């Protein structure tokens, strides 16, 4: 089985390259313009490690882990679905986040058992984090 999460670099220049990749395995991880803007804001917060999800996997758009918690068992996996024209919605797992729990499995010993899901506009999601 191929990976369903792709760790995003802290350097914004790498995001431009990822956004336009059409070859496998990157095609399903490509970023749109609004997603690139959102990811740059996420990556400015160095404590947040961010992964792009395979867009066909039902894992939302991004997975975020706050690495400032030193104990991996207490780190929470946050699965995000970016919806530009929507208010913040918590713990609603529709079709786009039906497999959110799989993100915890993919991250393995890096995180604890708790998976939280949220969808909403960029500002709402950033404030929630």
N, C-alpha and C. Protein backbone atom coordinates (compact mmCIF):
# COMPACT_ATOMS: atom_id res chain seq x y z
N UNK A 1 0.85 -1.19 0.00
CA UNK A 1 0.00 0.00 0.00
C UNK A 1 0.89 1.24 0.00
N UNK A 2 0.59 2.19 -0.84
CA UNK A 2 1.40 3.40 -0.91
C UNK A 2 1.02 4.37 0.20
N UNK A 3 1.92 5.27 0.58
CA UNK A 3 1.63 6.21 1.68
C UNK A 3 0.46 7.12 1.35
N UNK A 4 -0.28 7.47 2.37
CA UNK A 4 -1.42 8.37 2.19
C UNK A 4 -1.16 9.74 2.80
N UNK A 5 0.00 9.90 3.43
CA UNK A 5 0.39 11.19 4.00
C UNK A 5 1.74 11.58 3.45
N UNK A 6 1.90 12.86 3.16
CA UNK A 6 3.17 13.39 2.67
C UNK A 6 3.55 14.57 3.57
N UNK A 7 4.65 14.42 4.31
CA UNK A 7 5.08 15.48 5.23
C UNK A 7 5.48 16.70 4.42
N UNK A 8 4.96 17.86 4.83
CA UNK A 8 5.26 19.10 4.11
C UNK A 8 6.48 19.77 4.73
N UNK A 9 7.34 20.31 3.89
CA UNK A 9 8.57 20.95 4.37
C UNK A 9 8.27 22.30 4.99
N UNK A 10 9.18 22.79 5.80
CA UNK A 10 9.02 24.10 6.40
C UNK A 10 9.33 25.23 5.41
N UNK A 11 9.91 24.90 4.26
CA UNK A 11 10.28 25.93 3.29
C UNK A 11 9.18 26.10 2.25
N UNK A 12 8.68 27.31 2.11
CA UNK A 12 7.57 27.58 1.20
C UNK A 12 7.94 27.33 -0.26
N UNK A 13 9.23 27.43 -0.61
CA UNK A 13 9.62 27.22 -2.01
C UNK A 13 9.32 25.78 -2.43
N UNK A 14 9.42 24.85 -1.52
CA UNK A 14 9.12 23.46 -1.85
C UNK A 14 7.63 23.27 -2.14
N UNK A 15 6.78 24.10 -1.57
CA UNK A 15 5.35 23.98 -1.80
C UNK A 15 5.00 24.31 -3.25
N UNK A 16 5.70 25.26 -3.85
CA UNK A 16 5.44 25.60 -5.24
C UNK A 16 5.70 24.39 -6.14
N UNK A 17 6.78 23.70 -5.86
CA UNK A 17 7.13 22.54 -6.65
C UNK A 17 6.08 21.43 -6.47
N UNK A 18 5.63 21.23 -5.24
CA UNK A 18 4.62 20.21 -4.97
C UNK A 18 3.30 20.55 -5.65
N UNK A 19 2.97 21.82 -5.72
CA UNK A 19 1.68 22.25 -6.28
C UNK A 19 1.55 21.91 -7.75
N UNK A 20 2.65 21.85 -8.46
CA UNK A 20 2.55 21.65 -9.90
C UNK A 20 2.99 20.26 -10.34
N UNK A 21 3.32 19.38 -9.41
CA UNK A 21 3.75 18.04 -9.79
C UNK A 21 2.59 17.24 -10.34
N UNK A 22 2.77 16.67 -11.49
CA UNK A 22 1.71 15.87 -12.10
C UNK A 22 2.10 14.40 -12.16
N UNK A 23 3.30 14.08 -11.69
CA UNK A 23 3.73 12.69 -11.76
C UNK A 23 3.39 11.96 -10.45
N UNK A 24 3.29 10.67 -10.55
CA UNK A 24 3.04 9.87 -9.36
C UNK A 24 4.30 9.84 -8.52
N UNK A 25 4.22 9.83 -7.22
CA UNK A 25 3.00 9.75 -6.41
C UNK A 25 2.42 11.11 -6.06
N UNK A 26 2.96 12.19 -6.60
CA UNK A 26 2.59 13.53 -6.14
C UNK A 26 1.26 14.05 -6.66
N UNK A 27 0.74 13.49 -7.69
CA UNK A 27 -0.49 14.01 -8.29
C UNK A 27 -1.62 14.11 -7.26
N UNK A 28 -1.78 13.11 -6.41
CA UNK A 28 -2.86 13.11 -5.44
C UNK A 28 -2.57 13.94 -4.21
N UNK A 29 -1.37 14.56 -4.15
CA UNK A 29 -1.00 15.42 -3.03
C UNK A 29 -0.89 16.89 -3.43
N UNK A 30 -1.19 17.21 -4.68
CA UNK A 30 -1.01 18.57 -5.19
C UNK A 30 -1.83 19.57 -4.37
N UNK A 31 -1.30 20.79 -4.29
CA UNK A 31 -1.95 21.87 -3.54
C UNK A 31 -2.52 22.92 -4.49
N UNK A 32 -3.72 23.37 -4.18
CA UNK A 32 -4.30 24.48 -4.94
C UNK A 32 -3.73 25.79 -4.38
N UNK A 33 -4.03 26.90 -5.04
CA UNK A 33 -3.56 28.21 -4.57
C UNK A 33 -3.99 28.52 -3.14
N UNK A 34 -5.30 28.41 -2.81
CA UNK A 34 -5.73 28.69 -1.44
C UNK A 34 -5.12 27.72 -0.41
N UNK A 35 -4.90 26.48 -0.83
CA UNK A 35 -4.28 25.51 0.08
C UNK A 35 -2.82 25.89 0.37
N UNK A 36 -2.11 26.38 -0.65
CA UNK A 36 -0.72 26.82 -0.43
C UNK A 36 -0.67 27.96 0.57
N UNK A 37 -1.59 28.91 0.46
CA UNK A 37 -1.63 30.05 1.39
C UNK A 37 -1.87 29.53 2.81
N UNK A 38 -2.82 28.63 2.95
CA UNK A 38 -3.13 28.05 4.26
C UNK A 38 -1.94 27.29 4.83
N UNK A 39 -1.28 26.50 4.00
CA UNK A 39 -0.14 25.72 4.47
C UNK A 39 1.01 26.62 4.91
N UNK A 40 1.24 27.70 4.21
CA UNK A 40 2.30 28.63 4.63
C UNK A 40 2.02 29.15 6.03
N UNK A 41 0.76 29.48 6.31
CA UNK A 41 0.39 29.94 7.66
C UNK A 41 0.60 28.84 8.69
N UNK A 42 0.28 27.61 8.33
CA UNK A 42 0.51 26.49 9.24
C UNK A 42 2.00 26.31 9.53
N UNK A 43 2.79 26.35 8.48
CA UNK A 43 4.22 26.07 8.62
C UNK A 43 4.98 27.18 9.34
N UNK A 44 4.38 28.35 9.44
CA UNK A 44 5.00 29.42 10.23
C UNK A 44 5.00 29.07 11.72
N UNK A 45 4.10 28.21 12.10
CA UNK A 45 4.04 27.73 13.48
C UNK A 45 4.91 26.48 13.56
N UNK A 46 6.15 26.67 13.89
CA UNK A 46 7.14 25.58 13.84
C UNK A 46 6.78 24.37 14.70
N UNK A 47 5.95 24.56 15.69
CA UNK A 47 5.60 23.44 16.55
C UNK A 47 4.62 22.49 15.87
N UNK A 48 3.98 22.96 14.79
CA UNK A 48 3.00 22.14 14.08
C UNK A 48 3.65 21.43 12.91
N UNK A 49 3.69 20.12 12.99
CA UNK A 49 4.13 19.34 11.85
C UNK A 49 2.91 19.07 10.99
N UNK A 50 3.07 19.22 9.69
CA UNK A 50 1.93 19.18 8.78
C UNK A 50 2.16 18.18 7.66
N UNK A 51 1.13 17.43 7.37
CA UNK A 51 1.15 16.46 6.27
C UNK A 51 0.02 16.76 5.32
N UNK A 52 0.27 16.58 4.04
CA UNK A 52 -0.77 16.65 3.02
C UNK A 52 -1.30 15.24 2.87
N UNK A 53 -2.60 15.12 2.67
CA UNK A 53 -3.18 13.80 2.51
C UNK A 53 -3.37 13.48 1.04
N UNK A 54 -3.38 12.21 0.75
CA UNK A 54 -3.75 11.72 -0.58
C UNK A 54 -5.23 12.09 -0.73
N UNK A 55 -5.55 12.84 -1.74
CA UNK A 55 -6.90 13.37 -1.88
C UNK A 55 -7.95 12.31 -2.21
N UNK A 56 -7.53 11.10 -2.48
CA UNK A 56 -8.49 10.02 -2.73
C UNK A 56 -8.67 9.12 -1.53
N UNK A 57 -8.01 9.44 -0.40
CA UNK A 57 -7.98 8.53 0.73
C UNK A 57 -9.06 8.77 1.78
N UNK A 58 -9.83 9.84 1.68
CA UNK A 58 -10.84 10.12 2.68
C UNK A 58 -10.26 10.54 4.02
N UNK A 59 -9.11 11.24 3.96
CA UNK A 59 -8.41 11.68 5.17
C UNK A 59 -8.44 13.19 5.32
N UNK A 60 -9.39 13.87 4.71
CA UNK A 60 -9.41 15.32 4.75
C UNK A 60 -8.33 15.89 3.84
N UNK A 61 -7.94 17.15 4.11
CA UNK A 61 -6.91 17.80 3.30
C UNK A 61 -5.54 17.75 3.94
N UNK A 62 -5.51 17.93 5.27
CA UNK A 62 -4.23 18.01 5.99
C UNK A 62 -4.33 17.29 7.32
N UNK A 63 -3.19 16.81 7.77
CA UNK A 63 -3.06 16.24 9.11
C UNK A 63 -2.01 17.07 9.83
N UNK A 64 -2.33 17.49 11.05
CA UNK A 64 -1.45 18.36 11.82
C UNK A 64 -1.23 17.75 13.21
N UNK A 65 0.02 17.80 13.66
CA UNK A 65 0.35 17.33 15.01
C UNK A 65 1.17 18.42 15.69
N UNK A 66 0.75 18.80 16.89
CA UNK A 66 1.47 19.78 17.70
C UNK A 66 2.61 19.03 18.41
N UNK A 67 3.83 19.29 17.96
CA UNK A 67 4.99 18.57 18.48
C UNK A 67 5.57 19.20 19.74
N UNK A 68 4.93 20.25 20.25
CA UNK A 68 5.44 20.86 21.49
C UNK A 68 5.17 19.96 22.70
N UNK A 69 4.25 19.01 22.57
CA UNK A 69 4.02 18.02 23.63
C UNK A 69 5.15 17.00 23.56
N UNK A 70 5.98 16.91 24.61
CA UNK A 70 7.13 16.01 24.56
C UNK A 70 6.78 14.52 24.61
N UNK A 71 5.62 14.19 25.12
CA UNK A 71 5.23 12.78 25.24
C UNK A 71 4.35 12.38 24.05
N UNK A 72 4.87 11.51 23.19
CA UNK A 72 4.11 11.12 22.00
C UNK A 72 2.70 10.61 22.31
N UNK A 73 2.52 9.91 23.39
CA UNK A 73 1.21 9.35 23.72
C UNK A 73 0.17 10.44 23.97
N UNK A 74 0.60 11.65 24.24
CA UNK A 74 -0.34 12.75 24.49
C UNK A 74 -0.54 13.67 23.29
N UNK A 75 0.16 13.39 22.21
CA UNK A 75 0.00 14.21 21.01
C UNK A 75 -1.30 13.85 20.30
N UNK A 76 -2.04 14.87 19.93
CA UNK A 76 -3.34 14.70 19.27
C UNK A 76 -3.16 14.86 17.76
N UNK A 77 -3.76 13.96 17.02
CA UNK A 77 -3.79 14.05 15.56
C UNK A 77 -4.99 14.91 15.18
N UNK A 78 -4.75 15.94 14.40
CA UNK A 78 -5.84 16.81 13.95
C UNK A 78 -5.95 16.70 12.43
N UNK A 79 -7.10 16.27 11.99
CA UNK A 79 -7.38 16.10 10.57
C UNK A 79 -8.22 17.29 10.13
N UNK A 80 -7.75 18.00 9.12
CA UNK A 80 -8.39 19.25 8.69
C UNK A 80 -8.93 19.14 7.27
N UNK A 81 -10.10 19.68 7.07
CA UNK A 81 -10.70 19.81 5.74
C UNK A 81 -10.93 21.29 5.51
N UNK A 82 -10.23 21.85 4.55
CA UNK A 82 -10.32 23.28 4.26
C UNK A 82 -11.57 23.57 3.44
N UNK A 83 -12.43 24.41 3.97
CA UNK A 83 -13.66 24.83 3.29
C UNK A 83 -13.71 26.34 3.37
N UNK A 84 -13.35 27.01 2.31
CA UNK A 84 -13.18 28.46 2.31
C UNK A 84 -14.42 29.23 2.72
N UNK A 85 -15.58 28.76 2.39
CA UNK A 85 -16.80 29.51 2.68
C UNK A 85 -17.65 28.83 3.74
N UNK A 86 -17.00 28.31 4.75
CA UNK A 86 -17.72 27.58 5.77
C UNK A 86 -17.23 27.98 7.15
N UNK A 87 -18.13 27.97 8.11
CA UNK A 87 -17.72 28.19 9.49
C UNK A 87 -17.08 26.93 10.04
N UNK A 88 -16.53 27.02 11.22
CA UNK A 88 -15.85 25.89 11.84
C UNK A 88 -16.85 24.81 12.24
N UNK A 89 -16.56 23.59 11.83
CA UNK A 89 -17.36 22.43 12.20
C UNK A 89 -16.42 21.39 12.80
N UNK A 90 -16.71 20.96 14.00
CA UNK A 90 -15.86 20.01 14.69
C UNK A 90 -16.50 18.62 14.73
N UNK A 91 -15.66 17.62 14.60
CA UNK A 91 -16.05 16.22 14.76
C UNK A 91 -17.17 15.77 13.83
N UNK A 92 -17.25 16.36 12.65
CA UNK A 92 -18.20 15.92 11.61
C UNK A 92 -17.42 15.19 10.54
N UNK A 93 -17.55 13.90 10.50
CA UNK A 93 -16.80 13.08 9.56
C UNK A 93 -17.69 12.70 8.39
N UNK A 94 -17.68 13.53 7.40
CA UNK A 94 -18.42 13.22 6.19
C UNK A 94 -17.57 12.36 5.27
N UNK A 95 -17.94 12.33 4.04
CA UNK A 95 -17.24 11.51 3.04
C UNK A 95 -15.77 11.87 2.95
N UNK A 96 -15.44 13.16 3.02
CA UNK A 96 -14.06 13.59 2.84
C UNK A 96 -13.17 13.26 4.05
N UNK A 97 -13.77 12.92 5.19
CA UNK A 97 -12.96 12.56 6.36
C UNK A 97 -13.38 11.21 6.94
N UNK A 98 -13.93 10.37 6.11
CA UNK A 98 -14.43 9.08 6.57
C UNK A 98 -13.32 8.18 7.13
N UNK A 99 -12.10 8.36 6.69
CA UNK A 99 -10.98 7.52 7.14
C UNK A 99 -10.00 8.29 8.03
N UNK A 100 -10.48 9.28 8.75
CA UNK A 100 -9.60 10.14 9.55
C UNK A 100 -8.77 9.34 10.55
N UNK A 101 -9.31 8.28 11.10
CA UNK A 101 -8.56 7.48 12.07
C UNK A 101 -7.33 6.80 11.47
N UNK A 102 -7.35 6.63 10.16
CA UNK A 102 -6.20 6.01 9.50
C UNK A 102 -4.95 6.89 9.61
N UNK A 103 -5.14 8.20 9.78
CA UNK A 103 -4.00 9.10 9.93
C UNK A 103 -3.17 8.73 11.15
N UNK A 104 -3.83 8.37 12.25
CA UNK A 104 -3.11 7.97 13.46
C UNK A 104 -2.29 6.72 13.20
N UNK A 105 -2.84 5.80 12.48
CA UNK A 105 -2.13 4.57 12.15
C UNK A 105 -0.91 4.89 11.29
N UNK A 106 -1.07 5.77 10.31
CA UNK A 106 0.04 6.14 9.42
C UNK A 106 1.18 6.80 10.19
N UNK A 107 0.84 7.59 11.22
CA UNK A 107 1.87 8.31 11.99
C UNK A 107 2.51 7.44 13.06
N UNK A 108 1.90 6.33 13.38
CA UNK A 108 2.48 5.35 14.29
C UNK A 108 2.87 5.89 15.65
N UNK A 109 4.08 5.57 16.11
CA UNK A 109 4.49 5.93 17.48
C UNK A 109 4.73 7.43 17.69
N UNK A 110 4.59 8.22 16.66
CA UNK A 110 4.79 9.66 16.76
C UNK A 110 3.66 10.33 17.55
N UNK A 111 2.49 9.67 17.61
CA UNK A 111 1.29 10.28 18.19
C UNK A 111 0.56 9.32 19.13
N UNK A 112 -0.39 9.90 19.87
CA UNK A 112 -1.24 9.12 20.75
C UNK A 112 -2.47 8.60 20.01
N UNK A 113 -3.48 8.24 20.78
CA UNK A 113 -4.69 7.62 20.23
C UNK A 113 -5.75 8.61 19.75
N UNK A 114 -5.69 9.86 20.22
CA UNK A 114 -6.77 10.81 19.98
C UNK A 114 -6.67 11.41 18.58
N UNK A 115 -7.79 11.36 17.86
CA UNK A 115 -7.91 11.98 16.54
C UNK A 115 -9.08 12.95 16.60
N UNK A 116 -8.81 14.20 16.25
CA UNK A 116 -9.84 15.24 16.20
C UNK A 116 -9.99 15.66 14.74
N UNK A 117 -11.22 15.93 14.32
CA UNK A 117 -11.43 16.40 12.96
C UNK A 117 -12.13 17.75 12.99
N UNK A 118 -11.78 18.57 12.01
CA UNK A 118 -12.38 19.90 11.89
C UNK A 118 -12.42 20.29 10.43
N UNK A 119 -13.45 21.02 10.07
CA UNK A 119 -13.50 21.61 8.74
C UNK A 119 -13.95 23.05 8.88
N UNK A 120 -13.46 23.86 7.97
CA UNK A 120 -13.82 25.26 8.02
C UNK A 120 -12.88 26.10 7.18
N UNK A 121 -13.07 27.41 7.29
CA UNK A 121 -12.23 28.35 6.58
C UNK A 121 -10.84 28.42 7.20
N UNK A 122 -9.89 28.96 6.46
CA UNK A 122 -8.50 29.00 6.94
C UNK A 122 -8.35 29.67 8.31
N UNK A 123 -8.95 30.83 8.49
CA UNK A 123 -8.79 31.55 9.74
C UNK A 123 -9.39 30.77 10.91
N UNK A 124 -10.56 30.18 10.70
CA UNK A 124 -11.20 29.38 11.75
C UNK A 124 -10.33 28.20 12.16
N UNK A 125 -9.78 27.51 11.17
CA UNK A 125 -8.94 26.35 11.47
C UNK A 125 -7.66 26.75 12.19
N UNK A 126 -7.04 27.84 11.75
CA UNK A 126 -5.82 28.30 12.41
C UNK A 126 -6.09 28.70 13.86
N UNK A 127 -7.21 29.33 14.11
CA UNK A 127 -7.57 29.70 15.49
C UNK A 127 -7.85 28.46 16.34
N UNK A 128 -8.45 27.45 15.74
CA UNK A 128 -8.77 26.21 16.46
C UNK A 128 -7.50 25.46 16.87
N UNK A 129 -6.49 25.54 16.02
CA UNK A 129 -5.25 24.84 16.33
C UNK A 129 -4.55 25.49 17.48
